[in-house]
C-alpha atoms as a PDB file:
ATOM      1  CA  MET A   1      71.645  76.431  52.254  1.00  0.00           C
ATOM      2  CA  SER A   2      69.204  74.695  54.846  1.00  0.00           C
ATOM      3  CA  PRO A   3      65.634  72.625  53.166  1.00  0.00           C
ATOM      4  CA  VAL A   4      63.577  74.699  55.626  1.00  0.00           C
ATOM      5  CA  GLU A   5      61.865  77.850  55.522  1.00  0.00           C
ATOM      6  CA  LYS A   6      61.361  79.513  59.290  1.00  0.00           C
ATOM      7  CA  GLY A   7      57.885  79.660  60.599  1.00  0.00           C
ATOM      8  CA  CYS A   8      56.729  76.968  58.016  1.00  0.00           C
ATOM      9  CA  LEU A   9      54.443  74.002  58.812  1.00  0.00           C
ATOM     10  CA  TYR A  10      55.672  70.820  56.903  1.00  0.00           C
ATOM     11  CA  ILE A  11      53.398  67.691  56.509  1.00  0.00           C
ATOM     12  CA  VAL A  12      55.910  65.045  55.703  1.00  0.00           C
ATOM     13  CA  ALA A  13      54.997  61.481  54.562  1.00  0.00           C
ATOM     14  CA  THR A  14      56.517  58.734  56.399  1.00  0.00           C
ATOM     15  CA  PRO A  15      57.108  55.050  55.366  1.00  0.00           C
ATOM     16  CA  ILE A  16      54.338  52.590  55.214  1.00  0.00           C
ATOM     17  CA  GLY A  17      56.165  49.637  55.979  1.00  0.00           C
ATOM     18  CA  ASN A  18      59.287  49.258  54.701  1.00  0.00           C
ATOM     19  CA  LEU A  19      61.281  51.871  56.215  1.00  0.00           C
ATOM     20  CA  ASP A  20      63.410  52.657  53.351  1.00  0.00           C
ATOM     21  CA  ASP A  21      60.319  54.394  51.598  1.00  0.00           C
ATOM     22  CA  ILE A  22      60.781  58.065  52.646  1.00  0.00           C
ATOM     23  CA  THR A  23      62.272  60.824  50.199  1.00  0.00           C
ATOM     24  CA  TYR A  24      66.183  62.314  51.075  1.00  0.00           C
ATOM     25  CA  ARG A  25      64.011  65.566  50.846  1.00  0.00           C
ATOM     26  CA  ALA A  26      62.075  64.196  53.685  1.00  0.00           C
ATOM     27  CA  VAL A  27      64.929  63.390  55.755  1.00  0.00           C
ATOM     28  CA  GLN A  28      66.590  66.269  55.537  1.00  0.00           C
ATOM     29  CA  VAL A  29      63.414  68.580  56.179  1.00  0.00           C
ATOM     30  CA  LEU A  30      63.122  66.010  59.898  1.00  0.00           C
ATOM     31  CA  GLN A  31      66.364  66.756  60.346  1.00  0.00           C
ATOM     32  CA  GLU A  32      66.349  70.644  60.048  1.00  0.00           C
ATOM     33  CA  VAL A  33      63.205  71.525  61.581  1.00  0.00           C
ATOM     34  CA  ASP A  34      62.655  72.556  65.121  1.00  0.00           C
ATOM     35  CA  ALA A  35      60.089  69.454  66.066  1.00  0.00           C
ATOM     36  CA  ILE A  36      58.516  67.086  64.895  1.00  0.00           C
ATOM     37  CA  ALA A  37      54.963  66.433  65.831  1.00  0.00           C
ATOM     38  CA  ALA A  38      53.899  62.857  65.391  1.00  0.00           C
ATOM     39  CA  GLU A  39      50.646  60.691  66.296  1.00  0.00           C
ATOM     40  CA  ASP A  40      52.817  58.446  68.289  1.00  0.00           C
ATOM     41  CA  THR A  41      56.158  59.080  69.881  1.00  0.00           C
ATOM     42  CA  ARG A  42      57.622  55.856  70.639  1.00  0.00           C
ATOM     43  CA  HIS A  43      56.410  54.592  67.209  1.00  0.00           C
ATOM     44  CA  SER A  44      58.090  57.162  65.678  1.00  0.00           C
ATOM     45  CA  LYS A  45      61.238  57.585  67.445  1.00  0.00           C
ATOM     46  CA  LYS A  46      62.055  54.048  65.632  1.00  0.00           C
ATOM     47  CA  LEU A  47      61.789  55.507  62.295  1.00  0.00           C
ATOM     48  CA  MET A  48      63.848  58.795  63.618  1.00  0.00           C
ATOM     49  CA  GLN A  49      66.945  56.296  64.690  1.00  0.00           C
ATOM     50  CA  HIS A  50      66.667  54.493  61.825  1.00  0.00           C
ATOM     51  CA  LEU A  51      66.982  57.713  59.814  1.00  0.00           C
ATOM     52  CA  GLY A  52      69.344  59.459  62.089  1.00  0.00           C
ATOM     53  CA  VAL A  53      67.333  62.281  62.973  1.00  0.00           C
ATOM     54  CA  THR A  54      67.833  63.873  66.331  1.00  0.00           C
ATOM     55  CA  THR A  55      65.196  66.000  66.282  1.00  0.00           C
ATOM     56  CA  PRO A  56      62.610  66.602  69.469  1.00  0.00           C
ATOM     57  CA  LEU A  57      59.547  64.968  69.305  1.00  0.00           C
ATOM     58  CA  ILE A  58      56.079  66.029  70.283  1.00  0.00           C
ATOM     59  CA  ALA A  59      52.606  63.916  70.761  1.00  0.00           C
ATOM     60  CA  LEU A  60      50.272  64.878  68.816  1.00  0.00           C
ATOM     61  CA  HIS A  61      46.835  62.680  68.634  1.00  0.00           C
ATOM     62  CA  GLU A  62      43.255  62.872  68.500  1.00  0.00           C
ATOM     63  CA  HIS A  63      42.993  63.451  72.195  1.00  0.00           C
ATOM     64  CA  ASN A  64      45.207  66.700  72.431  1.00  0.00           C
ATOM     65  CA  GLU A  65      45.059  68.082  69.320  1.00  0.00           C
ATOM     66  CA  ASN A  66      42.390  70.414  69.489  1.00  0.00           C
ATOM     67  CA  ALA A  67      44.546  72.129  72.517  1.00  0.00           C
ATOM     68  CA  LEU A  68      48.616  71.480  71.200  1.00  0.00           C
ATOM     69  CA  SER A  69      47.529  72.658  67.534  1.00  0.00           C
ATOM     70  CA  GLU A  70      47.512  76.369  69.577  1.00  0.00           C
ATOM     71  CA  LYS A  71      50.258  75.986  70.961  1.00  0.00           C
ATOM     72  CA  ILE A  72      52.176  74.677  67.789  1.00  0.00           C
ATOM     73  CA  ILE A  73      50.545  77.844  66.383  1.00  0.00           C
ATOM     74  CA  LYS A  74      52.298  80.013  68.456  1.00  0.00           C
ATOM     75  CA  ARG A  75      55.670  78.015  67.621  1.00  0.00           C
ATOM     76  CA  LEU A  76      55.152  78.921  64.477  1.00  0.00           C
ATOM     77  CA  GLU A  77      54.182  82.565  64.892  1.00  0.00           C
ATOM     78  CA  ARG A  78      57.946  83.163  66.316  1.00  0.00           C
ATOM     79  CA  GLY A  79      59.564  81.976  63.504  1.00  0.00           C
ATOM     80  CA  GLU A  80      60.163  78.292  64.638  1.00  0.00           C
ATOM     81  CA  SER A  81      59.282  75.525  61.629  1.00  0.00           C
ATOM     82  CA  LEU A  82      57.775  72.474  62.600  1.00  0.00           C
ATOM     83  CA  ALA A  83      56.495  69.220  60.715  1.00  0.00           C
ATOM     84  CA  LEU A  84      53.903  66.783  61.433  1.00  0.00           C
ATOM     85  CA  ILE A  85      53.980  62.998  60.477  1.00  0.00           C
ATOM     86  CA  SER A  86      51.727  60.373  61.255  1.00  0.00           C
ATOM     87  CA  ASP A  87      52.632  57.049  62.109  1.00  0.00           C
ATOM     88  CA  ALA A  88      52.534  55.706  58.200  1.00  0.00           C
ATOM     89  CA  GLY A  89      51.920  57.205  55.478  1.00  0.00           C
ATOM     90  CA  THR A  90      50.663  60.943  54.456  1.00  0.00           C
ATOM     91  CA  PRO A  91      49.259  62.435  57.854  1.00  0.00           C
ATOM     92  CA  LEU A  92      45.871  63.646  58.038  1.00  0.00           C
ATOM     93  CA  ILE A  93      44.724  60.705  55.675  1.00  0.00           C
ATOM     94  CA  SER A  94      42.241  58.886  57.899  1.00  0.00           C
ATOM     95  CA  ASP A  95      44.898  60.470  60.837  1.00  0.00           C
ATOM     96  CA  PRO A  96      45.090  63.397  63.542  1.00  0.00           C
ATOM     97  CA  GLY A  97      46.418  66.612  62.120  1.00  0.00           C
ATOM     98  CA  PHE A  98      43.095  68.577  60.588  1.00  0.00           C
ATOM     99  CA  PRO A  99      42.809  71.274  63.208  1.00  0.00           C
ATOM    100  CA  LEU A 100      46.274  72.117  63.294  1.00  0.00           C
ATOM    101  CA  VAL A 101      46.175  72.691  59.248  1.00  0.00           C
ATOM    102  CA  ASN A 102      43.040  74.394  59.613  1.00  0.00           C
ATOM    103  CA  GLN A 103      44.516  77.058  62.156  1.00  0.00           C
ATOM    104  CA  ALA A 104      47.624  77.492  60.276  1.00  0.00           C
ATOM    105  CA  HIS A 105      45.793  78.581  57.380  1.00  0.00           C
ATOM    106  CA  LYS A 106      43.329  80.606  59.232  1.00  0.00           C
ATOM    107  CA  ALA A 107      46.838  82.301  60.951  1.00  0.00           C
ATOM    108  CA  GLY A 108      48.127  83.039  57.429  1.00  0.00           C
ATOM    109  CA  LEU A 109      50.800  80.170  58.210  1.00  0.00           C
ATOM    110  CA  LYS A 110      52.912  78.690  55.174  1.00  0.00           C
ATOM    111  CA  ILE A 111      51.941  75.065  54.807  1.00  0.00           C
ATOM    112  CA  ILE A 112      54.321  72.575  52.710  1.00  0.00           C
ATOM    113  CA  PRO A 113      53.775  69.163  51.602  1.00  0.00           C
ATOM    114  CA  VAL A 114      56.646  66.759  51.963  1.00  0.00           C
ATOM    115  CA  PRO A 115      54.673  63.859  49.442  1.00  0.00           C
ATOM    116  CA  GLY A 116      55.642  60.370  49.781  1.00  0.00           C
ATOM    117  CA  ALA A 117      54.205  57.424  50.591  1.00  0.00           C
ATOM    118  CA  SER A 118      50.679  56.670  50.670  1.00  0.00           C
ATOM    119  CA  SER A 119      48.564  53.307  51.701  1.00  0.00           C
ATOM    120  CA  LEU A 120      45.396  53.646  49.325  1.00  0.00           C
ATOM    121  CA  LEU A 121      47.528  55.051  46.285  1.00  0.00           C
ATOM    122  CA  ALA A 122      50.109  52.252  46.583  1.00  0.00           C
ATOM    123  CA  ALA A 123      47.208  49.844  46.790  1.00  0.00           C
ATOM    124  CA  LEU A 124      44.936  51.636  43.800  1.00  0.00           C
ATOM    125  CA  SER A 125      48.440  51.637  41.641  1.00  0.00           C
ATOM    126  CA  VAL A 126      48.596  47.855  41.953  1.00  0.00           C
ATOM    127  CA  SER A 127      44.984  46.696  42.076  1.00  0.00           C
ATOM    128  CA  GLY A 128      44.138  46.790  37.890  1.00  0.00           C
ATOM    129  CA  LEU A 129      40.937  48.636  38.647  1.00  0.00           C
ATOM    130  CA  PRO A 130      39.963  51.677  37.494  1.00  0.00           C
ATOM    131  CA  THR A 131      42.406  54.751  38.530  1.00  0.00           C
ATOM    132  CA  ASP A 132      41.105  57.743  36.424  1.00  0.00           C
ATOM    133  CA  ARG A 133      38.308  58.392  38.654  1.00  0.00           C
ATOM    134  CA  PHE A 134      38.009  56.921  42.619  1.00  0.00           C
ATOM    135  CA  VAL A 135      36.252  57.962  45.879  1.00  0.00           C
ATOM    136  CA  PHE A 136      38.362  57.262  49.317  1.00  0.00           C
ATOM    137  CA  GLU A 137      35.531  56.764  52.310  1.00  0.00           C
ATOM    138  CA  GLY A 138      38.598  55.864  54.885  1.00  0.00           C
ATOM    139  CA  PHE A 139      37.172  53.232  57.883  1.00  0.00           C
ATOM    140  CA  LEU A 140      33.788  52.469  57.589  1.00  0.00           C
ATOM    141  CA  PRO A 141      31.479  52.551  60.779  1.00  0.00           C
ATOM    142  CA  SER A 142      32.387  49.976  63.015  1.00  0.00           C
ATOM    143  CA  LYS A 143      28.972  49.224  63.867  1.00  0.00           C
ATOM    144  CA  LYS A 144      26.399  47.143  61.631  1.00  0.00           C
ATOM    145  CA  THR A 145      23.441  49.073  61.264  1.00  0.00           C
ATOM    146  CA  ALA A 146      25.930  52.075  60.518  1.00  0.00           C
ATOM    147  CA  ARG A 147      28.218  50.267  58.159  1.00  0.00           C
ATOM    148  CA  GLN A 148      25.438  48.756  56.107  1.00  0.00           C
ATOM    149  CA  ASN A 149      23.584  52.270  55.656  1.00  0.00           C
ATOM    150  CA  ARG A 150      27.175  53.711  54.527  1.00  0.00           C
ATOM    151  CA  LEU A 151      27.563  50.830  52.516  1.00  0.00           C
ATOM    152  CA  ARG A 152      23.581  51.287  50.821  1.00  0.00           C
ATOM    153  CA  GLU A 153      24.861  55.158  50.117  1.00  0.00           C
ATOM    154  CA  LEU A 154      28.116  53.646  47.962  1.00  0.00           C
ATOM    155  CA  GLU A 155      25.983  50.964  46.197  1.00  0.00           C
ATOM    156  CA  LYS A 156      25.638  53.069  43.335  1.00  0.00           C
ATOM    157  CA  GLU A 157      28.875  54.716  42.861  1.00  0.00           C
ATOM    158  CA  THR A 158      30.527  54.185  39.384  1.00  0.00           C
ATOM    159  CA  ARG A 159      34.100  55.597  40.958  1.00  0.00           C
ATOM    160  CA  THR A 160      36.373  52.759  42.055  1.00  0.00           C
ATOM    161  CA  LEU A 161      36.238  52.701  45.950  1.00  0.00           C
ATOM    162  CA  ILE A 162      38.897  52.726  48.208  1.00  0.00           C
ATOM    163  CA  LEU A 163      38.612  51.821  52.125  1.00  0.00           C
ATOM    164  CA  PHE A 164      40.803  50.972  55.151  1.00  0.00           C
ATOM    165  CA  GLU A 165      39.705  48.437  57.493  1.00  0.00           C
ATOM    166  CA  THR A 166      41.279  46.973  61.288  1.00  0.00           C
ATOM    167  CA  PRO A 167      42.071  43.245  61.219  1.00  0.00           C
ATOM    168  CA  HIS A 168      39.316  42.298  63.431  1.00  0.00           C
ATOM    169  CA  ARG A 169      36.537  43.755  61.482  1.00  0.00           C
ATOM    170  CA  ILE A 170      37.868  42.762  57.874  1.00  0.00           C
ATOM    171  CA  THR A 171      35.459  39.458  58.565  1.00  0.00           C
ATOM    172  CA  VAL A 172      32.164  41.470  58.890  1.00  0.00           C
ATOM    173  CA  ALA A 173      33.006  44.439  56.697  1.00  0.00           C
ATOM    174  CA  LEU A 174      33.547  41.651  53.655  1.00  0.00           C
ATOM    175  CA  ALA A 175      29.992  40.088  55.100  1.00  0.00           C
ATOM    176  CA  ASP A 176      28.587  43.640  54.826  1.00  0.00           C
ATOM    177  CA  LEU A 177      29.678  44.152  51.157  1.00  0.00           C
ATOM    178  CA  ALA A 178      28.762  40.723  49.830  1.00  0.00           C
ATOM    179  CA  GLU A 179      25.160  41.361  51.105  1.00  0.00           C
ATOM    180  CA  VAL A 180      24.846  45.341  49.922  1.00  0.00           C
ATOM    181  CA  LEU A 181      26.918  45.740  47.186  1.00  0.00           C
ATOM    182  CA  GLY A 182      26.980  42.101  45.951  1.00  0.00           C
ATOM    183  CA  GLU A 183      29.187  39.060  46.337  1.00  0.00           C
ATOM    184  CA  ASP A 184      30.302  39.010  42.748  1.00  0.00           C
ATOM    185  CA  ARG A 185      31.578  42.715  43.100  1.00  0.00           C
ATOM    186  CA  GLU A 186      34.967  42.973  42.000  1.00  0.00           C
ATOM    187  CA  ILE A 187      37.783  43.761  44.543  1.00  0.00           C
ATOM    188  CA  PHE A 188      41.540  44.174  45.449  1.00  0.00           C
ATOM    189  CA  ILE A 189      42.558  43.821  49.102  1.00  0.00           C
ATOM    190  CA  ALA A 190      46.323  44.727  50.315  1.00  0.00           C
ATOM    191  CA  ARG A 191      47.397  43.668  53.859  1.00  0.00           C
ATOM    192  CA  GLU A 192      50.853  44.696  55.119  1.00  0.00           C
ATOM    193  CA  LEU A 193      52.071  46.744  52.213  1.00  0.00           C
ATOM    194  CA  THR A 194      55.491  47.379  51.967  1.00  0.00           C
ATOM    195  CA  LYS A 195      56.217  44.934  55.126  1.00  0.00           C
ATOM    196  CA  THR A 196      57.840  41.224  55.026  1.00  0.00           C
ATOM    197  CA  HIS A 197      54.261  39.433  55.357  1.00  0.00           C
ATOM    198  CA  GLU A 198      52.818  41.936  52.457  1.00  0.00           C
ATOM    199  CA  GLU A 199      49.354  40.140  50.743  1.00  0.00           C
ATOM    200  CA  VAL A 200      47.576  41.094  47.947  1.00  0.00           C
ATOM    201  CA  ILE A 201      44.416  39.840  46.655  1.00  0.00           C
ATOM    202  CA  ARG A 202      42.351  40.358  43.622  1.00  0.00           C
ATOM    203  CA  SER A 203      39.110  38.391  43.381  1.00  0.00           C
ATOM    204  CA  SER A 204      35.285  39.119  44.087  1.00  0.00           C
ATOM    205  CA  VAL A 205      33.565  40.200  47.195  1.00  0.00           C
ATOM    206  CA  GLY A 206      31.771  36.782  47.805  1.00  0.00           C
ATOM    207  CA  GLN A 207      35.314  34.442  47.545  1.00  0.00           C
ATOM    208  CA  VAL A 208      37.564  36.701  49.701  1.00  0.00           C
ATOM    209  CA  LEU A 209      34.683  36.112  52.595  1.00  0.00           C
ATOM    210  CA  GLU A 210      35.031  32.758  52.071  1.00  0.00           C
ATOM    211  CA  ALA A 211      38.673  32.895  52.446  1.00  0.00           C
ATOM    212  CA  ALA A 212      38.954  35.265  55.395  1.00  0.00           C
ATOM    213  CA  SER A 213      35.341  33.182  57.017  1.00  0.00           C
ATOM    214  CA  SER A 214      37.554  30.014  56.341  1.00  0.00           C
ATOM    215  CA  GLY A 215      40.937  31.322  58.009  1.00  0.00           C
ATOM    216  CA  ALA A 216      42.839  31.457  55.187  1.00  0.00           C
ATOM    217  CA  LEU A 217      42.978  35.476  54.808  1.00  0.00           C
ATOM    218  CA  GLN A 218      45.155  36.345  58.055  1.00  0.00           C
ATOM    219  CA  GLU A 219      43.494  38.877  60.138  1.00  0.00           C
ATOM    220  CA  ARG A 220      46.633  40.230  61.191  1.00  0.00           C
ATOM    221  CA  GLY A 221      47.315  44.275  60.061  1.00  0.00           C
ATOM    222  CA  GLU A 222      45.621  46.853  58.243  1.00  0.00           C
ATOM    223  CA  PHE A 223      43.838  46.296  54.932  1.00  0.00           C
ATOM    224  CA  VAL A 224      43.038  48.806  52.420  1.00  0.00           C
ATOM    225  CA  LEU A 225      40.193  47.713  50.611  1.00  0.00           C
ATOM    226  CA  VAL A 226      39.578  48.494  46.509  1.00  0.00           C
ATOM    227  CA  LEU A 227      36.455  47.950  45.049  1.00  0.00           C
ATOM    228  CA  ALA A 228      34.881  48.429  41.634  1.00  0.00           C
ATOM    229  CA  GLY A 229      32.345  50.666  40.870  1.00  0.00           C
ATOM    230  CA  ASN A 230      29.141  49.945  40.210  1.00  0.00           C
ATOM    231  CA  GLY A 231      28.529  49.665  36.271  1.00  0.00           C
ATOM    232  CA  ASN A 232      25.040  50.441  36.754  1.00  0.00           C
ATOM    233  CA  LYS A 233      23.724  46.955  34.379  1.00  0.00           C
ATOM    234  CA  GLN A 234      20.237  47.070  34.255  1.00  0.00           C
ATOM    235  CA  SER A 235      18.720  43.967  36.044  1.00  0.00           C
ATOM    236  CA  ALA A 236      18.578  41.031  33.421  1.00  0.00           C
ATOM    237  CA  ILE A 237      15.305  39.262  35.520  1.00  0.00           C
ATOM    238  CA  ASP A 238      12.014  38.952  33.091  1.00  0.00           C
ATOM    239  CA  ASP A 239       9.137  38.792  34.795  1.00  0.00           C
ATOM    240  CA  GLN A 240       8.903  35.034  34.496  1.00  0.00           C
ATOM    241  CA  ALA A 241      12.409  34.249  36.128  1.00  0.00           C
ATOM    242  CA  LEU A 242      10.830  37.190  39.117  1.00  0.00           C
ATOM    243  CA  LYS A 243       7.722  35.235  39.680  1.00  0.00           C
ATOM    244  CA  ILE A 244       9.948  32.055  40.332  1.00  0.00           C
ATOM    245  CA  PHE A 245      12.205  33.887  42.763  1.00  0.00           C
ATOM    246  CA  ASP A 246       9.052  35.370  44.325  1.00  0.00           C
ATOM    247  CA  LEU A 247       8.097  31.446  45.436  1.00  0.00           C
ATOM    248  CA  LEU A 248      11.468  30.434  46.518  1.00  0.00           C
ATOM    249  CA  LEU A 249      11.895  34.378  48.303  1.00  0.00           C
ATOM    250  CA  LYS A 250       8.581  32.706  50.220  1.00  0.00           C
ATOM    251  CA  GLU A 251      10.105  29.754  51.582  1.00  0.00           C
ATOM    252  CA  LEU A 252      13.447  29.821  51.887  1.00  0.00           C
ATOM    253  CA  PRO A 253      15.897  32.553  53.171  1.00  0.00           C
ATOM    254  CA  LEU A 254      17.674  34.955  50.048  1.00  0.00           C
ATOM    255  CA  LYS A 255      20.786  33.509  49.266  1.00  0.00           C
ATOM    256  CA  THR A 256      18.998  30.063  48.872  1.00  0.00           C
ATOM    257  CA  SER A 257      17.138  31.510  46.743  1.00  0.00           C
ATOM    258  CA  ALA A 258      19.051  33.532  44.626  1.00  0.00           C
ATOM    259  CA  SER A 259      21.438  30.405  43.797  1.00  0.00           C
ATOM    260  CA  LEU A 260      18.203  28.186  43.045  1.00  0.00           C
ATOM    261  CA  ALA A 261      16.575  31.158  40.768  1.00  0.00           C
ATOM    262  CA  ALA A 262      20.495  31.217  39.019  1.00  0.00           C
ATOM    263  CA  LYS A 263      20.281  28.027  38.269  1.00  0.00           C
ATOM    264  CA  VAL A 264      16.662  27.276  37.399  1.00  0.00           C
ATOM    265  CA  THR A 265      16.679  30.072  35.259  1.00  0.00           C
ATOM    266  CA  GLY A 266      20.462  30.666  34.005  1.00  0.00           C
ATOM    267  CA  LEU A 267      20.510  33.927  35.077  1.00  0.00           C
ATOM    268  CA  LYS A 268      22.989  35.399  37.144  1.00  0.00           C
ATOM    269  CA  ARG A 269      22.821  34.761  41.037  1.00  0.00           C
ATOM    270  CA  LYS A 270      24.067  38.254  41.804  1.00  0.00           C
ATOM    271  CA  ASP A 271      20.963  39.758  40.007  1.00  0.00           C
ATOM    272  CA  PHE A 272      18.576  37.933  41.785  1.00  0.00           C
ATOM    273  CA  TYR A 273      20.255  38.410  45.362  1.00  0.00           C
ATOM    274  CA  ASN A 274      20.321  42.252  44.331  1.00  0.00           C
ATOM    275  CA  GLU A 275      16.276  41.852  43.613  1.00  0.00           C
ATOM    276  CA  GLY A 276      15.877  40.188  46.776  1.00  0.00           C
ATOM    277  CA  LEU A 277      17.725  43.431  48.858  1.00  0.00           C
ATOM    278  CA  LYS A 278      15.742  46.100  47.336  1.00  0.00           C
ATOM    279  CA  LYS A 279      12.534  43.899  48.391  1.00  0.00           C
ATOM    280  CA  SER A 280      13.493  43.689  51.793  1.00  0.00           C
ATOM    281  CA  ARG A 281      14.003  47.138  51.960  1.00  0.00           C
ATOM    282  CA  LYS A 282      10.645  47.977  50.402  1.00  0.00           C
END
């Protein structure tokens, strides 16, 4: 009996690295549907060859998804069954596909998920950070000002944060994380998950930034960043310590002032640094 129903759209998760990380059901569906909509047909063709799937591929990406979605809907309405896949992992998660699924719902068509690999869930599961409540923010903005503004919106978020980042922006993104969220914020970084050169790091934002700046962290492959939420702890800076910090700030940069104030008072550098950030925004 065929695992595929006529006139249905299947949202099929594919491997994020290791090509064997795919379910039996997913392979069956990909073999039986009439066509597979793929983000990059050249990339997906390699996976299909590995799986022995010969189903025709059609390209559906961010530049054509609105127009192509209408054509796919018509095929589904004629009784054809189609699958949607992305280059890696679960479709629609920071990938094309939303217009197609939205239009399929409006047309009253059946949409069936075929679950599998997801880089954000894979990273979260091994991060050692709280998994009971989390928020996924996808990719941060590419421009510095917009990126810092987004992070300020997330500064007080108490849930675990999950972000994606590209290799050419990882160092500047870490620098902004250190500036806005604090160098002491716990972070777990996963690079090239399930691939040959998989790398994972659990540390503080400041220490990971140092590794990236020195070249110890390879800027290759896509990154998943899992950050501890804000614990909502009140600053431990008393009035006397604040006076010392204010005097230092008048003569020295924020980072230097925070470090010196921490040494003099025995309080946390992070508290002084965050206090300085608040002052700079007023």
